[in-house]
Amino acid sequence: MSVVAADAATVDAAWARARDGADLGVTEALRDTDYGSHTFGVRDRDGNLWTVGTYRGTGATV
């Protein structure tokens, strides 16, 4: 499952909660990707994988 955040500060706050006490297992530490995302991954206690991050998008309008 994925959660797209509006900005890096929101991702940073979620990372702090996940890292510092939530009942989650970190699968991917917070990082900046070469394609512009600010992201991390966790596994919840039910085994679901979650990716939290920003999404730069393509800039295209629909």
PDB file of N, CA and C in Angstrom:
ATOM      1  N   MET A   1       0.845  -1.159   0.000  1.00  0.00           N
ATOM      2  CA  MET A   1       0.000   0.000   0.000  1.00  0.00           C
ATOM      3  C   MET A   1       0.894   1.225   0.000  1.00  0.00           C
ATOM      4  N   SER A   2       0.395   2.280  -0.564  1.00  0.00           N
ATOM      5  CA  SER A   2       1.181   3.511  -0.629  1.00  0.00           C
ATOM      6  C   SER A   2       0.401   4.684  -0.069  1.00  0.00           C
ATOM      7  N   VAL A   3       1.117   5.591   0.533  1.00  0.00           N
ATOM      8  CA  VAL A   3       0.562   6.856   1.006  1.00  0.00           C
ATOM      9  C   VAL A   3       1.377   7.952   0.355  1.00  0.00           C
ATOM     10  N   VAL A   4       0.708   8.844  -0.375  1.00  0.00           N
ATOM     11  CA  VAL A   4       1.390   9.961  -1.018  1.00  0.00           C
ATOM     12  C   VAL A   4       1.165  11.201  -0.164  1.00  0.00           C
ATOM     13  N   ALA A   5       2.251  11.843   0.241  1.00  0.00           N
ATOM     14  CA  ALA A   5       2.186  13.040   1.069  1.00  0.00           C
ATOM     15  C   ALA A   5       2.400  14.277   0.214  1.00  0.00           C
ATOM     16  N   ALA A   6       1.851  15.385   0.671  1.00  0.00           N
ATOM     17  CA  ALA A   6       1.931  16.636  -0.084  1.00  0.00           C
ATOM     18  C   ALA A   6       3.329  17.236  -0.082  1.00  0.00           C
ATOM     19  N   ASP A   7       4.097  16.977   0.981  1.00  0.00           N
ATOM     20  CA  ASP A   7       5.424  17.592   1.054  1.00  0.00           C
ATOM     21  C   ASP A   7       6.365  16.751   1.915  1.00  0.00           C
ATOM     22  N   ALA A   8       7.649  17.080   1.845  1.00  0.00           N
ATOM     23  CA  ALA A   8       8.673  16.328   2.569  1.00  0.00           C
ATOM     24  C   ALA A   8       8.494  16.440   4.077  1.00  0.00           C
ATOM     25  N   ALA A   9       8.009  17.568   4.578  1.00  0.00           N
ATOM     26  CA  ALA A   9       7.818  17.733   6.020  1.00  0.00           C
ATOM     27  C   ALA A   9       6.803  16.725   6.560  1.00  0.00           C
ATOM     28  N   THR A  10       5.766  16.436   5.793  1.00  0.00           N
ATOM     29  CA  THR A  10       4.763  15.448   6.195  1.00  0.00           C
ATOM     30  C   THR A  10       5.382  14.054   6.238  1.00  0.00           C
ATOM     31  N   VAL A  11       6.211  13.738   5.257  1.00  0.00           N
ATOM     32  CA  VAL A  11       6.912  12.451   5.235  1.00  0.00           C
ATOM     33  C   VAL A  11       7.867  12.359   6.420  1.00  0.00           C
ATOM     34  N   ASP A  12       8.598  13.431   6.703  1.00  0.00           N
ATOM     35  CA  ASP A  12       9.527  13.445   7.833  1.00  0.00           C
ATOM     36  C   ASP A  12       8.801  13.189   9.153  1.00  0.00           C
ATOM     37  N   ALA A  13       7.638  13.792   9.334  1.00  0.00           N
ATOM     38  CA  ALA A  13       6.858  13.596  10.562  1.00  0.00           C
ATOM     39  C   ALA A  13       6.366  12.150  10.672  1.00  0.00           C
ATOM     40  N   ALA A  14       5.915  11.578   9.571  1.00  0.00           N
ATOM     41  CA  ALA A  14       5.476  10.183   9.570  1.00  0.00           C
ATOM     42  C   ALA A  14       6.655   9.254   9.862  1.00  0.00           C
ATOM     43  N   TRP A  15       7.829   9.556   9.301  1.00  0.00           N
ATOM     44  CA  TRP A  15       9.035   8.764   9.544  1.00  0.00           C
ATOM     45  C   TRP A  15       9.395   8.795  11.032  1.00  0.00           C
ATOM     46  N   ALA A  16       9.324   9.961  11.651  1.00  0.00           N
ATOM     47  CA  ALA A  16       9.648  10.079  13.073  1.00  0.00           C
ATOM     48  C   ALA A  16       8.721   9.205  13.910  1.00  0.00           C
ATOM     49  N   ARG A  17       7.434   9.205  13.594  1.00  0.00           N
ATOM     50  CA  ARG A  17       6.476   8.361  14.326  1.00  0.00           C
ATOM     51  C   ARG A  17       6.760   6.880  14.094  1.00  0.00           C
ATOM     52  N   ALA A  18       7.041   6.505  12.843  1.00  0.00           N
ATOM     53  CA  ALA A  18       7.294   5.104  12.512  1.00  0.00           C
ATOM     54  C   ALA A  18       8.575   4.600  13.171  1.00  0.00           C
ATOM     55  N   ARG A  19       9.583   5.424  13.168  1.00  0.00           N
ATOM     56  CA  ARG A  19      10.894   5.051  13.703  1.00  0.00           C
ATOM     57  C   ARG A  19      10.916   5.038  15.226  1.00  0.00           C
ATOM     58  N   ASP A  20      10.169   5.925  15.857  1.00  0.00           N
ATOM     59  CA  ASP A  20      10.305   6.151  17.303  1.00  0.00           C
ATOM     60  C   ASP A  20       9.211   5.551  18.163  1.00  0.00           C
ATOM     61  N   GLY A  21       8.530   4.537  17.711  1.00  0.00           N
ATOM     62  CA  GLY A  21       7.612   3.955  18.666  1.00  0.00           C
ATOM     63  C   GLY A  21       6.366   3.319  18.100  1.00  0.00           C
ATOM     64  N   ALA A  22       6.063   3.558  16.869  1.00  0.00           N
ATOM     65  CA  ALA A  22       4.901   2.888  16.295  1.00  0.00           C
ATOM     66  C   ALA A  22       5.208   1.391  16.221  1.00  0.00           C
ATOM     67  N   ASP A  23       4.180   0.582  16.216  1.00  0.00           N
ATOM     68  CA  ASP A  23       4.347  -0.875  16.162  1.00  0.00           C
ATOM     69  C   ASP A  23       4.569  -1.302  14.704  1.00  0.00           C
ATOM     70  N   LEU A  24       5.678  -0.825  14.121  1.00  0.00           N
ATOM     71  CA  LEU A  24       5.993  -1.063  12.710  1.00  0.00           C
ATOM     72  C   LEU A  24       7.418  -1.564  12.568  1.00  0.00           C
ATOM     73  N   GLY A  25       7.668  -2.321  11.526  1.00  0.00           N
ATOM     74  CA  GLY A  25       9.028  -2.725  11.196  1.00  0.00           C
ATOM     75  C   GLY A  25       9.496  -1.954   9.979  1.00  0.00           C
ATOM     76  N   VAL A  26      10.592  -1.258  10.099  1.00  0.00           N
ATOM     77  CA  VAL A  26      11.123  -0.470   8.986  1.00  0.00           C
ATOM     78  C   VAL A  26      11.690  -1.418   7.936  1.00  0.00           C
ATOM     79  N   THR A  27      11.224  -1.292   6.706  1.00  0.00           N
ATOM     80  CA  THR A  27      11.730  -2.098   5.599  1.00  0.00           C
ATOM     81  C   THR A  27      12.644  -1.293   4.684  1.00  0.00           C
ATOM     82  N   GLU A  28      12.505   0.024   4.728  1.00  0.00           N
ATOM     83  CA  GLU A  28      13.346   0.913   3.923  1.00  0.00           C
ATOM     84  C   GLU A  28      13.470   2.237   4.666  1.00  0.00           C
ATOM     85  N   ALA A  29      14.678   2.608   5.028  1.00  0.00           N
ATOM     86  CA  ALA A  29      14.902   3.856   5.750  1.00  0.00           C
ATOM     87  C   ALA A  29      14.557   5.059   4.878  1.00  0.00           C
ATOM     88  N   LEU A  30      14.266   6.170   5.524  1.00  0.00           N
ATOM     89  CA  LEU A  30      13.954   7.414   4.830  1.00  0.00           C
ATOM     90  C   LEU A  30      15.094   7.783   3.895  1.00  0.00           C
ATOM     91  N   ARG A  31      14.742   8.131   2.657  1.00  0.00           N
ATOM     92  CA  ARG A  31      15.761   8.500   1.669  1.00  0.00           C
ATOM     93  C   ARG A  31      15.152   9.370   0.588  1.00  0.00           C
ATOM     94  N   ASP A  32      16.021  10.042  -0.140  1.00  0.00           N
ATOM     95  CA  ASP A  32      15.636  10.798  -1.332  1.00  0.00           C
ATOM     96  C   ASP A  32      16.068   9.970  -2.533  1.00  0.00           C
ATOM     97  N   THR A  33      15.141   9.733  -3.444  1.00  0.00           N
ATOM     98  CA  THR A  33      15.449   8.932  -4.627  1.00  0.00           C
ATOM     99  C   THR A  33      16.036   9.810  -5.730  1.00  0.00           C
ATOM    100  N   ASP A  34      16.639   9.164  -6.710  1.00  0.00           N
ATOM    101  CA  ASP A  34      17.199   9.913  -7.832  1.00  0.00           C
ATOM    102  C   ASP A  34      16.116  10.446  -8.764  1.00  0.00           C
ATOM    103  N   TYR A  35      14.868  10.013  -8.576  1.00  0.00           N
ATOM    104  CA  TYR A  35      13.765  10.509  -9.410  1.00  0.00           C
ATOM    105  C   TYR A  35      12.893  11.517  -8.667  1.00  0.00           C
ATOM    106  N   GLY A  36      13.352  11.988  -7.493  1.00  0.00           N
ATOM    107  CA  GLY A  36      12.707  13.112  -6.837  1.00  0.00           C
ATOM    108  C   GLY A  36      11.742  12.794  -5.710  1.00  0.00           C
ATOM    109  N   SER A  37      11.615  11.551  -5.296  1.00  0.00           N
ATOM    110  CA  SER A  37      10.721  11.200  -4.196  1.00  0.00           C
ATOM    111  C   SER A  37      11.481  11.214  -2.875  1.00  0.00           C
ATOM    112  N   HIS A  38      10.782  11.538  -1.807  1.00  0.00           N
ATOM    113  CA  HIS A  38      11.287  11.508  -0.427  1.00  0.00           C
ATOM    114  C   HIS A  38      10.457  10.419   0.239  1.00  0.00           C
ATOM    115  N   THR A  39      11.039   9.256   0.576  1.00  0.00           N
ATOM    116  CA  THR A  39      10.228   8.076   0.856  1.00  0.00           C
ATOM    117  C   THR A  39      10.839   7.147   1.900  1.00  0.00           C
ATOM    118  N   PHE A  40       9.984   6.313   2.513  1.00  0.00           N
ATOM    119  CA  PHE A  40      10.425   5.225   3.383  1.00  0.00           C
ATOM    120  C   PHE A  40       9.384   4.118   3.336  1.00  0.00           C
ATOM    121  N   GLY A  41       9.757   2.943   3.850  1.00  0.00           N
ATOM    122  CA  GLY A  41       8.840   1.809   3.849  1.00  0.00           C
ATOM    123  C   GLY A  41       8.774   1.136   5.205  1.00  0.00           C
ATOM    124  N   VAL A  42       7.599   0.622   5.559  1.00  0.00           N
ATOM    125  CA  VAL A  42       7.398  -0.091   6.820  1.00  0.00           C
ATOM    126  C   VAL A  42       6.476  -1.289   6.601  1.00  0.00           C
ATOM    127  N   ARG A  43       6.525  -2.216   7.566  1.00  0.00           N
ATOM    128  CA  ARG A  43       5.601  -3.356   7.594  1.00  0.00           C
ATOM    129  C   ARG A  43       4.791  -3.221   8.883  1.00  0.00           C
ATOM    130  N   ASP A  44       3.455  -3.271   8.767  1.00  0.00           N
ATOM    131  CA  ASP A  44       2.628  -3.179   9.966  1.00  0.00           C
ATOM    132  C   ASP A  44       2.538  -4.544  10.648  1.00  0.00           C
ATOM    133  N   ARG A  45       1.903  -4.581  11.808  1.00  0.00           N
ATOM    134  CA  ARG A  45       1.872  -5.829  12.587  1.00  0.00           C
ATOM    135  C   ARG A  45       1.066  -6.934  11.924  1.00  0.00           C
ATOM    136  N   ASP A  46       0.247  -6.585  10.923  1.00  0.00           N
ATOM    137  CA  ASP A  46      -0.495  -7.594  10.164  1.00  0.00           C
ATOM    138  C   ASP A  46       0.278  -8.082   8.948  1.00  0.00           C
ATOM    139  N   GLY A  47       1.495  -7.561   8.750  1.00  0.00           N
ATOM    140  CA  GLY A  47       2.336  -7.987   7.643  1.00  0.00           C
ATOM    141  C   GLY A  47       2.183  -7.182   6.368  1.00  0.00           C
ATOM    142  N   ASN A  48       1.329  -6.165   6.380  1.00  0.00           N
ATOM    143  CA  ASN A  48       1.147  -5.321   5.198  1.00  0.00           C
ATOM    144  C   ASN A  48       2.349  -4.395   5.020  1.00  0.00           C
ATOM    145  N   LEU A  49       2.797  -4.263   3.773  1.00  0.00           N
ATOM    146  CA  LEU A  49       3.890  -3.341   3.456  1.00  0.00           C
ATOM    147  C   LEU A  49       3.313  -1.985   3.066  1.00  0.00           C
ATOM    148  N   TRP A  50       3.883  -0.930   3.627  1.00  0.00           N
ATOM    149  CA  TRP A  50       3.462   0.441   3.347  1.00  0.00           C
ATOM    150  C   TRP A  50       4.662   1.231   2.849  1.00  0.00           C
ATOM    151  N   THR A  51       4.441   2.023   1.816  1.00  0.00           N
ATOM    152  CA  THR A  51       5.425   2.983   1.338  1.00  0.00           C
ATOM    153  C   THR A  51       4.823   4.364   1.530  1.00  0.00           C
ATOM    154  N   VAL A  52       5.562   5.238   2.172  1.00  0.00           N
ATOM    155  CA  VAL A  52       5.119   6.614   2.422  1.00  0.00           C
ATOM    156  C   VAL A  52       6.105   7.526   1.716  1.00  0.00           C
ATOM    157  N   GLY A  53       5.589   8.475   0.936  1.00  0.00           N
ATOM    158  CA  GLY A  53       6.507   9.372   0.256  1.00  0.00           C
ATOM    159  C   GLY A  53       5.821  10.472  -0.526  1.00  0.00           C
ATOM    160  N   THR A  54       6.653  11.343  -1.046  1.00  0.00           N
ATOM    161  CA  THR A  54       6.167  12.399  -1.935  1.00  0.00           C
ATOM    162  C   THR A  54       6.147  11.853  -3.353  1.00  0.00           C
ATOM    163  N   TYR A  55       5.404  12.497  -4.186  1.00  0.00           N
ATOM    164  CA  TYR A  55       5.336  12.113  -5.603  1.00  0.00           C
ATOM    165  C   TYR A  55       5.422  13.366  -6.435  1.00  0.00           C
ATOM    166  N   ARG A  56       6.460  13.459  -7.209  1.00  0.00           N
ATOM    167  CA  ARG A  56       6.671  14.664  -8.026  1.00  0.00           C
ATOM    168  C   ARG A  56       5.705  14.734  -9.186  1.00  0.00           C
ATOM    169  N   GLY A  57       5.304  13.598  -9.718  1.00  0.00           N
ATOM    170  CA  GLY A  57       4.372  13.580 -10.844  1.00  0.00           C
ATOM    171  C   GLY A  57       5.040  13.959 -12.163  1.00  0.00           C
ATOM    172  N   THR A  58       4.239  13.981 -13.198  1.00  0.00           N
ATOM    173  CA  THR A  58       4.771  14.271 -14.521  1.00  0.00           C
ATOM    174  C   THR A  58       4.579  15.713 -14.950  1.00  0.00           C
ATOM    175  N   GLY A  59       3.743  16.427 -14.212  1.00  0.00           N
ATOM    176  CA  GLY A  59       3.444  17.810 -14.587  1.00  0.00           C
ATOM    177  C   GLY A  59       2.370  17.908 -15.656  1.00  0.00           C
ATOM    178  N   ALA A  60       1.868  16.771 -16.101  1.00  0.00           N
ATOM    179  CA  ALA A  60       0.819  16.761 -17.126  1.00  0.00           C
ATOM    180  C   ALA A  60      -0.517  17.119 -16.490  1.00  0.00           C
ATOM    181  N   THR A  61      -1.363  17.759 -17.242  1.00  0.00           N
ATOM    182  CA  THR A  61      -2.719  18.062 -16.759  1.00  0.00           C
ATOM    183  C   THR A  61      -3.707  17.172 -17.494  1.00  0.00           C
ATOM    184  N   VAL A  62      -4.766  16.856 -16.803  1.00  0.00           N
ATOM    185  CA  VAL A  62      -5.797  15.988 -17.381  1.00  0.00           C
ATOM    186  C   VAL A  62      -7.031  16.792 -17.670  1.00  0.00           C
TER     187      VAL A  62
END
